[in-house]
Amino acid sequence: MAKVVMYCTAVCPYCVRAEQLLQRKGVTEIEKIRVDLQPELRVAMMEKTGRRTVPQIYIGGEHVGGYDDMAALDQAGKLDELLAR
């Protein structure tokens, strides 16, 4: 299964939804980078992604976007393929 990295905060409902969706897909390990605890990590996230909102999700090193983007990939039947890499 592909490595999943998620930039997140403690109180973000979309982060929770993203984690739940990934768990339903069989993901057991998510590397969480808490940008609320280390503001410099939010700056790094914004430089990498061009976005300032969380979550920002990487699957197998590929930036897939936020929760809505990942849910759209799932609806299109492409999320499983990404996770299987």
C-alpha atoms as a PDB file:
ATOM      1  CA  MET A   1       0.000   0.000   0.000  1.00  0.00           C
ATOM      2  CA  ALA A   2       1.205   3.488  -0.860  1.00  0.00           C
ATOM      3  CA  LYS A   3       2.487   5.767   1.884  1.00  0.00           C
ATOM      4  CA  VAL A   4      -0.057   8.397   2.948  1.00  0.00           C
ATOM      5  CA  VAL A   5       1.020  11.762   4.348  1.00  0.00           C
ATOM      6  CA  MET A   6      -1.548  14.277   5.548  1.00  0.00           C
ATOM      7  CA  TYR A   7      -0.983  17.854   6.641  1.00  0.00           C
ATOM      8  CA  CYS A   8      -3.654  18.475   9.264  1.00  0.00           C
ATOM      9  CA  THR A   9      -4.761  20.210  12.465  1.00  0.00           C
ATOM     10  CA  ALA A  10      -6.395  18.813  15.589  1.00  0.00           C
ATOM     11  CA  VAL A  11      -9.824  20.397  15.083  1.00  0.00           C
ATOM     12  CA  CYS A  12     -10.318  20.157  11.324  1.00  0.00           C
ATOM     13  CA  PRO A  13     -13.511  18.269  10.393  1.00  0.00           C
ATOM     14  CA  TYR A  14     -12.259  17.676   6.847  1.00  0.00           C
ATOM     15  CA  CYS A  15      -9.099  16.094   8.257  1.00  0.00           C
ATOM     16  CA  VAL A  16     -11.272  13.701  10.268  1.00  0.00           C
ATOM     17  CA  ARG A  17     -13.343  12.870   7.181  1.00  0.00           C
ATOM     18  CA  ALA A  18     -10.210  12.280   5.124  1.00  0.00           C
ATOM     19  CA  GLU A  19      -8.815   9.930   7.758  1.00  0.00           C
ATOM     20  CA  GLN A  20     -12.124   8.040   7.943  1.00  0.00           C
ATOM     21  CA  LEU A  21     -12.253   7.635   4.158  1.00  0.00           C
ATOM     22  CA  LEU A  22      -8.679   6.362   4.085  1.00  0.00           C
ATOM     23  CA  GLN A  23      -9.400   3.902   6.905  1.00  0.00           C
ATOM     24  CA  ARG A  24     -12.452   2.584   5.013  1.00  0.00           C
ATOM     25  CA  LYS A  25     -10.086   2.007   2.081  1.00  0.00           C
ATOM     26  CA  GLY A  26      -7.838  -0.125   4.275  1.00  0.00           C
ATOM     27  CA  VAL A  27      -5.149   2.429   5.100  1.00  0.00           C
ATOM     28  CA  THR A  28      -3.791   1.583   8.542  1.00  0.00           C
ATOM     29  CA  GLU A  29      -0.984   4.112   8.744  1.00  0.00           C
ATOM     30  CA  ILE A  30      -1.168   7.837   7.984  1.00  0.00           C
ATOM     31  CA  GLU A  31       1.787  10.099   8.620  1.00  0.00           C
ATOM     32  CA  LYS A  32       0.181  13.201  10.077  1.00  0.00           C
ATOM     33  CA  ILE A  33       1.995  16.513   9.964  1.00  0.00           C
ATOM     34  CA  ARG A  34       0.320  18.817  12.472  1.00  0.00           C
ATOM     35  CA  VAL A  35       0.585  22.366  11.147  1.00  0.00           C
ATOM     36  CA  ASP A  36      -1.254  23.761  14.186  1.00  0.00           C
ATOM     37  CA  LEU A  37       1.582  22.647  16.465  1.00  0.00           C
ATOM     38  CA  GLN A  38       4.415  23.820  14.208  1.00  0.00           C
ATOM     39  CA  PRO A  39       3.529  26.920  12.147  1.00  0.00           C
ATOM     40  CA  GLU A  40       6.689  26.595  10.070  1.00  0.00           C
ATOM     41  CA  LEU A  41       5.276  23.339   8.711  1.00  0.00           C
ATOM     42  CA  ARG A  42       2.200  25.211   7.422  1.00  0.00           C
ATOM     43  CA  VAL A  43       4.560  27.540   5.545  1.00  0.00           C
ATOM     44  CA  ALA A  44       6.352  24.526   4.065  1.00  0.00           C
ATOM     45  CA  MET A  45       2.987  22.963   3.133  1.00  0.00           C
ATOM     46  CA  MET A  46       1.870  26.177   1.399  1.00  0.00           C
ATOM     47  CA  GLU A  47       5.127  26.360  -0.558  1.00  0.00           C
ATOM     48  CA  LYS A  48       4.791  22.718  -1.680  1.00  0.00           C
ATOM     49  CA  THR A  49       1.086  22.714  -2.517  1.00  0.00           C
ATOM     50  CA  GLY A  50       0.188  26.335  -3.232  1.00  0.00           C
ATOM     51  CA  ARG A  51      -2.700  25.911  -0.785  1.00  0.00           C
ATOM     52  CA  ARG A  52      -3.186  27.108   2.771  1.00  0.00           C
ATOM     53  CA  THR A  53      -6.088  24.910   3.896  1.00  0.00           C
ATOM     54  CA  VAL A  54      -5.913  21.497   5.525  1.00  0.00           C
ATOM     55  CA  PRO A  55      -5.949  18.663   4.941  1.00  0.00           C
ATOM     56  CA  GLN A  56      -3.405  18.415   2.173  1.00  0.00           C
ATOM     57  CA  ILE A  57      -2.917  14.780   1.298  1.00  0.00           C
ATOM     58  CA  TYR A  58      -0.099  12.943  -0.433  1.00  0.00           C
ATOM     59  CA  ILE A  59      -0.491   9.351  -1.576  1.00  0.00           C
ATOM     60  CA  GLY A  60       2.661   7.609  -2.717  1.00  0.00           C
ATOM     61  CA  GLY A  61       4.397  10.971  -2.944  1.00  0.00           C
ATOM     62  CA  GLU A  62       1.716  12.413  -5.238  1.00  0.00           C
ATOM     63  CA  HIS A  63      -0.248  15.446  -4.027  1.00  0.00           C
ATOM     64  CA  VAL A  64      -3.944  14.633  -4.351  1.00  0.00           C
ATOM     65  CA  GLY A  65      -5.240  17.809  -2.682  1.00  0.00           C
ATOM     66  CA  GLY A  66      -7.706  18.118   0.157  1.00  0.00           C
ATOM     67  CA  TYR A  67     -10.599  15.985   1.341  1.00  0.00           C
ATOM     68  CA  ASP A  68     -12.951  17.060  -1.472  1.00  0.00           C
ATOM     69  CA  ASP A  69     -10.293  16.255  -4.071  1.00  0.00           C
ATOM     70  CA  MET A  70      -9.669  12.821  -2.565  1.00  0.00           C
ATOM     71  CA  ALA A  71     -13.411  12.099  -2.302  1.00  0.00           C
ATOM     72  CA  ALA A  72     -13.779  13.019  -5.993  1.00  0.00           C
ATOM     73  CA  LEU A  73     -10.972  10.581  -6.853  1.00  0.00           C
ATOM     74  CA  ASP A  74     -12.850   7.916  -4.908  1.00  0.00           C
ATOM     75  CA  GLN A  75     -16.108   8.704  -6.732  1.00  0.00           C
ATOM     76  CA  ALA A  76     -14.254   8.423 -10.041  1.00  0.00           C
ATOM     77  CA  GLY A  77     -12.866   5.036  -9.021  1.00  0.00           C
ATOM     78  CA  LYS A  78      -9.247   6.244  -9.018  1.00  0.00           C
ATOM     79  CA  LEU A  79      -8.436   6.320  -5.287  1.00  0.00           C
ATOM     80  CA  ASP A  80      -8.008   2.557  -4.933  1.00  0.00           C
ATOM     81  CA  GLU A  81      -5.509   2.557  -7.791  1.00  0.00           C
ATOM     82  CA  LEU A  82      -3.441   5.299  -6.125  1.00  0.00           C
ATOM     83  CA  LEU A  83      -3.468   3.510  -2.779  1.00  0.00           C
ATOM     84  CA  ALA A  84      -2.404   0.227  -4.355  1.00  0.00           C
ATOM     85  CA  ARG A  85       0.851   1.629  -5.758  1.00  0.00           C
END
